[in-house]
Amino acid sequence: MGTTNPLEVINQLVRAMNTCALDSALALFEPDASFVVKPGVVVSGTSGIRHALEGFMALKPTITIEAQQLIEAGDVAQYCARWTIQGSDPQGKPVQLKGRSSSILRRQADGRWLFLLDNPWGTDIVR
């Protein structure tokens, strides 16, 4: 069954990250999608995205979306959000990250929306 709403895909990703459900998170990305791990580091494809998401999930994150906007044009959608992640590093030390994302989702032939490009850091990647 296809997901026909890009915002539901975003909500699914947040739930998957917050519960460390790696396979559920990966299923929301196109096979050749790209993911900005941090400014200056972009990975592509399922293997690269798996590794990047594992790194975020190692923090045992709680992701909160503070504000969001979605703009659709046919089969493409741009999603922008302000977010925070609270978690802890392997030694148990608290970690807090925050950013403004800019991501692109694309409607698939079966009606599902998947991430084509997920950039949690938005314009922070511009140096």
N, C-alpha and C. Protein backbone atom coordinates (compact mmCIF):
# COMPACT_ATOMS: atom_id res chain seq x y z
N MET A 1 0.85 -1.19 0.00
CA MET A 1 0.00 0.00 0.00
C MET A 1 0.89 1.24 0.00
N GLY A 2 0.64 2.16 -0.90
CA GLY A 2 1.48 3.34 -1.04
C GLY A 2 1.12 4.44 -0.06
N THR A 3 2.12 5.19 0.32
CA THR A 3 1.90 6.37 1.15
C THR A 3 1.71 7.54 0.20
N THR A 4 0.54 8.17 0.25
CA THR A 4 0.22 9.20 -0.73
C THR A 4 0.45 10.60 -0.20
N ASN A 5 1.02 10.72 1.00
CA ASN A 5 1.22 12.02 1.61
C ASN A 5 2.67 12.17 2.05
N PRO A 6 3.41 13.13 1.48
CA PRO A 6 4.82 13.30 1.87
C PRO A 6 5.00 13.55 3.37
N LEU A 7 4.08 14.26 4.01
CA LEU A 7 4.22 14.52 5.45
C LEU A 7 4.13 13.23 6.26
N GLU A 8 3.35 12.27 5.79
CA GLU A 8 3.29 10.98 6.50
C GLU A 8 4.62 10.26 6.40
N VAL A 9 5.32 10.39 5.26
CA VAL A 9 6.65 9.79 5.13
C VAL A 9 7.60 10.44 6.14
N ILE A 10 7.52 11.75 6.29
CA ILE A 10 8.35 12.44 7.28
C ILE A 10 8.04 11.90 8.67
N ASN A 11 6.75 11.79 9.01
CA ASN A 11 6.35 11.27 10.32
C ASN A 11 6.84 9.84 10.52
N GLN A 12 6.78 9.03 9.47
CA GLN A 12 7.27 7.65 9.55
C GLN A 12 8.77 7.64 9.83
N LEU A 13 9.52 8.53 9.18
CA LEU A 13 10.96 8.58 9.40
C LEU A 13 11.28 8.99 10.84
N VAL A 14 10.58 9.99 11.34
CA VAL A 14 10.80 10.43 12.73
C VAL A 14 10.50 9.28 13.69
N ARG A 15 9.38 8.58 13.48
CA ARG A 15 9.05 7.44 14.35
C ARG A 15 10.11 6.35 14.26
N ALA A 16 10.56 6.05 13.05
CA ALA A 16 11.58 5.01 12.88
C ALA A 16 12.89 5.40 13.56
N MET A 17 13.27 6.67 13.44
CA MET A 17 14.50 7.12 14.09
C MET A 17 14.36 7.06 15.61
N ASN A 18 13.24 7.51 16.12
CA ASN A 18 13.02 7.55 17.57
C ASN A 18 12.93 6.16 18.19
N THR A 19 12.58 5.15 17.40
CA THR A 19 12.49 3.78 17.91
C THR A 19 13.66 2.93 17.41
N CYS A 20 14.62 3.56 16.72
CA CYS A 20 15.81 2.87 16.18
C CYS A 20 15.41 1.71 15.28
N ALA A 21 14.39 1.92 14.46
CA ALA A 21 13.91 0.92 13.50
C ALA A 21 14.60 1.18 12.16
N LEU A 22 15.82 0.69 12.03
CA LEU A 22 16.66 0.99 10.88
C LEU A 22 16.02 0.57 9.56
N ASP A 23 15.52 -0.65 9.47
CA ASP A 23 14.95 -1.11 8.21
C ASP A 23 13.72 -0.31 7.81
N SER A 24 12.91 0.08 8.80
CA SER A 24 11.74 0.92 8.51
C SER A 24 12.17 2.28 7.97
N ALA A 25 13.24 2.85 8.54
CA ALA A 25 13.75 4.13 8.06
C ALA A 25 14.29 3.99 6.64
N LEU A 26 15.07 2.96 6.40
CA LEU A 26 15.67 2.77 5.07
C LEU A 26 14.62 2.58 3.98
N ALA A 27 13.49 1.98 4.32
CA ALA A 27 12.43 1.74 3.34
C ALA A 27 11.81 3.03 2.83
N LEU A 28 12.11 4.15 3.47
CA LEU A 28 11.54 5.45 3.08
C LEU A 28 12.42 6.20 2.09
N PHE A 29 13.53 5.59 1.66
CA PHE A 29 14.48 6.21 0.75
C PHE A 29 14.49 5.47 -0.58
N GLU A 30 14.61 6.23 -1.68
CA GLU A 30 14.84 5.60 -2.98
C GLU A 30 16.18 4.87 -2.92
N PRO A 31 16.35 3.79 -3.71
CA PRO A 31 17.60 3.03 -3.66
C PRO A 31 18.86 3.86 -3.96
N ASP A 32 18.74 4.88 -4.80
CA ASP A 32 19.89 5.71 -5.15
C ASP A 32 19.84 7.08 -4.49
N ALA A 33 19.07 7.21 -3.43
CA ALA A 33 18.93 8.50 -2.73
C ALA A 33 20.27 8.95 -2.15
N SER A 34 20.34 10.23 -1.82
CA SER A 34 21.50 10.80 -1.16
C SER A 34 21.10 11.36 0.19
N PHE A 35 22.05 11.34 1.14
CA PHE A 35 21.83 11.79 2.50
C PHE A 35 23.04 12.60 2.94
N VAL A 36 22.79 13.78 3.48
CA VAL A 36 23.87 14.63 3.99
C VAL A 36 24.10 14.26 5.45
N VAL A 37 25.19 13.55 5.71
CA VAL A 37 25.52 13.09 7.06
C VAL A 37 25.86 14.28 7.95
N LYS A 38 26.67 15.16 7.40
CA LYS A 38 27.05 16.42 8.04
C LYS A 38 27.58 17.31 6.93
N PRO A 39 27.68 18.62 7.17
CA PRO A 39 28.20 19.48 6.11
C PRO A 39 29.53 18.95 5.57
N GLY A 40 29.57 18.75 4.27
CA GLY A 40 30.77 18.25 3.61
C GLY A 40 30.79 16.74 3.43
N VAL A 41 29.83 16.01 3.99
CA VAL A 41 29.80 14.55 3.86
C VAL A 41 28.43 14.11 3.35
N VAL A 42 28.40 13.64 2.09
CA VAL A 42 27.16 13.17 1.47
C VAL A 42 27.36 11.70 1.10
N VAL A 43 26.39 10.87 1.46
CA VAL A 43 26.43 9.47 1.07
C VAL A 43 25.25 9.20 0.13
N SER A 44 25.42 8.18 -0.70
CA SER A 44 24.36 7.81 -1.64
C SER A 44 24.14 6.31 -1.60
N GLY A 45 22.92 5.92 -1.93
CA GLY A 45 22.58 4.51 -2.00
C GLY A 45 22.23 3.92 -0.65
N THR A 46 21.61 2.77 -0.69
CA THR A 46 21.11 2.12 0.52
C THR A 46 22.22 1.84 1.52
N SER A 47 23.36 1.36 1.09
CA SER A 47 24.45 1.03 2.00
C SER A 47 24.96 2.27 2.73
N GLY A 48 25.21 3.35 1.99
CA GLY A 48 25.69 4.59 2.60
C GLY A 48 24.68 5.19 3.56
N ILE A 49 23.42 5.18 3.17
CA ILE A 49 22.38 5.74 4.03
C ILE A 49 22.20 4.86 5.27
N ARG A 50 22.28 3.55 5.12
CA ARG A 50 22.19 2.64 6.28
C ARG A 50 23.26 3.01 7.30
N HIS A 51 24.49 3.16 6.84
CA HIS A 51 25.60 3.49 7.75
C HIS A 51 25.36 4.84 8.44
N ALA A 52 24.89 5.83 7.68
CA ALA A 52 24.63 7.15 8.26
C ALA A 52 23.52 7.10 9.31
N LEU A 53 22.44 6.39 9.00
CA LEU A 53 21.32 6.30 9.94
C LEU A 53 21.73 5.52 11.19
N GLU A 54 22.56 4.50 11.02
CA GLU A 54 23.07 3.76 12.18
C GLU A 54 23.81 4.70 13.13
N GLY A 55 24.57 5.64 12.56
CA GLY A 55 25.29 6.61 13.39
C GLY A 55 24.35 7.48 14.19
N PHE A 56 23.29 7.96 13.55
CA PHE A 56 22.31 8.77 14.27
C PHE A 56 21.59 7.93 15.32
N MET A 57 21.22 6.70 14.96
CA MET A 57 20.48 5.84 15.88
C MET A 57 21.33 5.42 17.08
N ALA A 58 22.65 5.41 16.93
CA ALA A 58 23.53 5.08 18.05
C ALA A 58 23.37 6.07 19.20
N LEU A 59 22.85 7.26 18.90
CA LEU A 59 22.61 8.27 19.93
C LEU A 59 21.34 7.98 20.74
N LYS A 60 20.59 6.94 20.36
CA LYS A 60 19.29 6.67 20.97
C LYS A 60 18.46 7.96 20.96
N PRO A 61 18.22 8.48 19.74
CA PRO A 61 17.68 9.83 19.61
C PRO A 61 16.21 9.98 19.95
N THR A 62 15.90 11.18 20.37
CA THR A 62 14.53 11.66 20.40
C THR A 62 14.51 12.87 19.49
N ILE A 63 13.88 12.72 18.33
CA ILE A 63 13.82 13.78 17.34
C ILE A 63 12.50 14.52 17.51
N THR A 64 12.59 15.83 17.52
CA THR A 64 11.41 16.68 17.62
C THR A 64 11.41 17.65 16.46
N ILE A 65 10.31 17.74 15.75
CA ILE A 65 10.15 18.72 14.68
C ILE A 65 9.50 19.95 15.31
N GLU A 66 10.18 21.09 15.20
CA GLU A 66 9.68 22.32 15.82
C GLU A 66 8.83 23.15 14.87
N ALA A 67 9.15 23.11 13.60
CA ALA A 67 8.38 23.84 12.58
C ALA A 67 8.65 23.15 11.25
N GLN A 68 7.67 23.18 10.35
CA GLN A 68 7.86 22.51 9.07
C GLN A 68 7.05 23.16 7.97
N GLN A 69 7.52 22.96 6.74
CA GLN A 69 6.80 23.45 5.57
C GLN A 69 7.02 22.47 4.44
N LEU A 70 5.98 22.22 3.67
CA LEU A 70 6.04 21.32 2.53
C LEU A 70 5.55 22.07 1.30
N ILE A 71 6.31 21.95 0.21
CA ILE A 71 5.91 22.54 -1.06
C ILE A 71 5.91 21.42 -2.10
N GLU A 72 4.77 21.21 -2.74
CA GLU A 72 4.66 20.15 -3.74
C GLU A 72 4.55 20.76 -5.14
N ALA A 73 5.15 20.06 -6.09
CA ALA A 73 5.02 20.39 -7.52
C ALA A 73 4.94 19.07 -8.27
N GLY A 74 3.75 18.65 -8.58
CA GLY A 74 3.57 17.38 -9.27
C GLY A 74 4.05 16.22 -8.43
N ASP A 75 5.04 15.48 -8.95
CA ASP A 75 5.55 14.29 -8.27
C ASP A 75 6.78 14.57 -7.41
N VAL A 76 7.05 15.84 -7.13
CA VAL A 76 8.22 16.22 -6.33
C VAL A 76 7.74 17.11 -5.19
N ALA A 77 8.36 16.92 -4.01
CA ALA A 77 8.02 17.76 -2.86
C ALA A 77 9.30 18.18 -2.16
N GLN A 78 9.34 19.44 -1.74
CA GLN A 78 10.44 19.93 -0.91
C GLN A 78 9.90 20.07 0.50
N TYR A 79 10.66 19.50 1.43
CA TYR A 79 10.28 19.56 2.84
C TYR A 79 11.37 20.33 3.59
N CYS A 80 10.96 21.32 4.35
CA CYS A 80 11.89 22.08 5.18
C CYS A 80 11.38 22.03 6.61
N ALA A 81 12.31 21.90 7.55
CA ALA A 81 11.91 21.82 8.96
C ALA A 81 13.01 22.33 9.86
N ARG A 82 12.60 22.75 11.03
CA ARG A 82 13.54 23.04 12.12
C ARG A 82 13.38 21.89 13.11
N TRP A 83 14.48 21.24 13.48
CA TRP A 83 14.42 20.04 14.29
C TRP A 83 15.46 20.05 15.40
N THR A 84 15.25 19.19 16.38
CA THR A 84 16.26 18.94 17.41
C THR A 84 16.34 17.43 17.64
N ILE A 85 17.53 16.99 18.01
CA ILE A 85 17.76 15.61 18.43
C ILE A 85 18.38 15.67 19.82
N GLN A 86 17.79 14.94 20.73
CA GLN A 86 18.40 14.75 22.04
C GLN A 86 18.70 13.26 22.19
N GLY A 87 19.90 12.98 22.65
CA GLY A 87 20.31 11.59 22.82
C GLY A 87 21.50 11.52 23.73
N SER A 88 22.24 10.42 23.61
CA SER A 88 23.45 10.28 24.40
C SER A 88 24.49 9.52 23.60
N ASP A 89 25.76 9.87 23.84
CA ASP A 89 26.85 9.20 23.14
C ASP A 89 27.10 7.83 23.79
N PRO A 90 28.02 7.02 23.23
CA PRO A 90 28.25 5.68 23.77
C PRO A 90 28.66 5.66 25.25
N GLN A 91 29.23 6.75 25.74
CA GLN A 91 29.60 6.83 27.16
C GLN A 91 28.46 7.34 28.04
N GLY A 92 27.32 7.63 27.43
CA GLY A 92 26.16 8.10 28.18
C GLY A 92 26.09 9.60 28.35
N LYS A 93 27.02 10.31 27.75
CA LYS A 93 27.04 11.78 27.85
C LYS A 93 25.92 12.35 26.97
N PRO A 94 25.13 13.30 27.49
CA PRO A 94 24.05 13.89 26.70
C PRO A 94 24.57 14.57 25.42
N VAL A 95 23.82 14.38 24.34
CA VAL A 95 24.13 15.00 23.05
C VAL A 95 22.87 15.71 22.58
N GLN A 96 23.03 16.95 22.12
CA GLN A 96 21.91 17.65 21.51
C GLN A 96 22.38 18.21 20.18
N LEU A 97 21.62 17.93 19.14
CA LEU A 97 21.87 18.45 17.80
C LEU A 97 20.63 19.22 17.38
N LYS A 98 20.84 20.20 16.52
CA LYS A 98 19.69 20.90 15.95
C LYS A 98 20.06 21.37 14.57
N GLY A 99 19.03 21.59 13.76
CA GLY A 99 19.28 22.04 12.40
C GLY A 99 18.00 22.46 11.72
N ARG A 100 18.18 22.87 10.47
CA ARG A 100 17.07 23.24 9.60
C ARG A 100 17.25 22.42 8.33
N SER A 101 16.37 21.46 8.15
CA SER A 101 16.50 20.54 7.02
C SER A 101 15.90 21.09 5.74
N SER A 102 16.39 20.55 4.64
CA SER A 102 15.82 20.80 3.33
C SER A 102 15.92 19.49 2.56
N SER A 103 14.80 18.84 2.36
CA SER A 103 14.80 17.51 1.76
C SER A 103 13.86 17.46 0.57
N ILE A 104 14.16 16.54 -0.34
CA ILE A 104 13.35 16.36 -1.55
C ILE A 104 12.78 14.94 -1.53
N LEU A 105 11.48 14.85 -1.71
CA LEU A 105 10.80 13.56 -1.84
C LEU A 105 10.21 13.46 -3.23
N ARG A 106 10.06 12.22 -3.71
CA ARG A 106 9.50 12.02 -5.06
C ARG A 106 8.45 10.91 -4.99
N ARG A 107 7.32 11.18 -5.68
CA ARG A 107 6.26 10.18 -5.77
C ARG A 107 6.71 9.08 -6.74
N GLN A 108 6.57 7.85 -6.29
CA GLN A 108 6.95 6.70 -7.09
C GLN A 108 5.78 6.30 -8.00
N ALA A 109 6.05 5.41 -8.95
CA ALA A 109 5.00 4.96 -9.89
C ALA A 109 3.82 4.32 -9.16
N ASP A 110 4.09 3.70 -7.99
CA ASP A 110 3.01 3.05 -7.25
C ASP A 110 2.30 3.99 -6.28
N GLY A 111 2.67 5.30 -6.31
CA GLY A 111 2.00 6.28 -5.49
C GLY A 111 2.70 6.60 -4.17
N ARG A 112 3.66 5.76 -3.77
CA ARG A 112 4.40 6.03 -2.53
C ARG A 112 5.30 7.24 -2.72
N TRP A 113 5.52 7.98 -1.64
CA TRP A 113 6.50 9.05 -1.62
C TRP A 113 7.74 8.54 -0.90
N LEU A 114 8.92 8.76 -1.49
CA LEU A 114 10.18 8.36 -0.88
C LEU A 114 11.17 9.51 -0.94
N PHE A 115 12.12 9.50 -0.02
CA PHE A 115 13.18 10.51 -0.05
C PHE A 115 14.09 10.27 -1.24
N LEU A 116 14.35 11.33 -1.99
CA LEU A 116 15.36 11.34 -3.04
C LEU A 116 16.64 11.95 -2.47
N LEU A 117 16.47 12.99 -1.66
CA LEU A 117 17.60 13.68 -1.03
C LEU A 117 17.16 14.11 0.37
N ASP A 118 17.90 13.67 1.37
CA ASP A 118 17.60 14.09 2.74
C ASP A 118 18.80 14.88 3.25
N ASN A 119 18.55 16.15 3.50
CA ASN A 119 19.61 17.06 3.97
C ASN A 119 19.17 17.67 5.29
N PRO A 120 19.49 17.01 6.41
CA PRO A 120 19.10 17.55 7.71
C PRO A 120 19.73 18.89 8.04
N TRP A 121 20.80 19.23 7.34
CA TRP A 121 21.57 20.45 7.68
C TRP A 121 21.20 21.65 6.84
N GLY A 122 20.28 21.48 5.87
CA GLY A 122 19.80 22.61 5.08
C GLY A 122 20.94 23.42 4.48
N THR A 123 20.86 24.73 4.61
CA THR A 123 21.88 25.60 4.01
C THR A 123 23.18 25.62 4.80
N ASP A 124 23.24 24.94 5.95
CA ASP A 124 24.50 24.88 6.69
C ASP A 124 25.57 24.15 5.90
N ILE A 125 25.19 23.41 4.84
CA ILE A 125 26.20 22.72 4.04
C ILE A 125 26.97 23.69 3.15
N VAL A 126 26.45 24.91 3.01
CA VAL A 126 27.13 25.93 2.20
C VAL A 126 28.19 26.58 3.06
N ARG A 127 29.41 26.49 2.64
CA ARG A 127 30.53 27.03 3.43
C ARG A 127 31.02 28.32 2.83
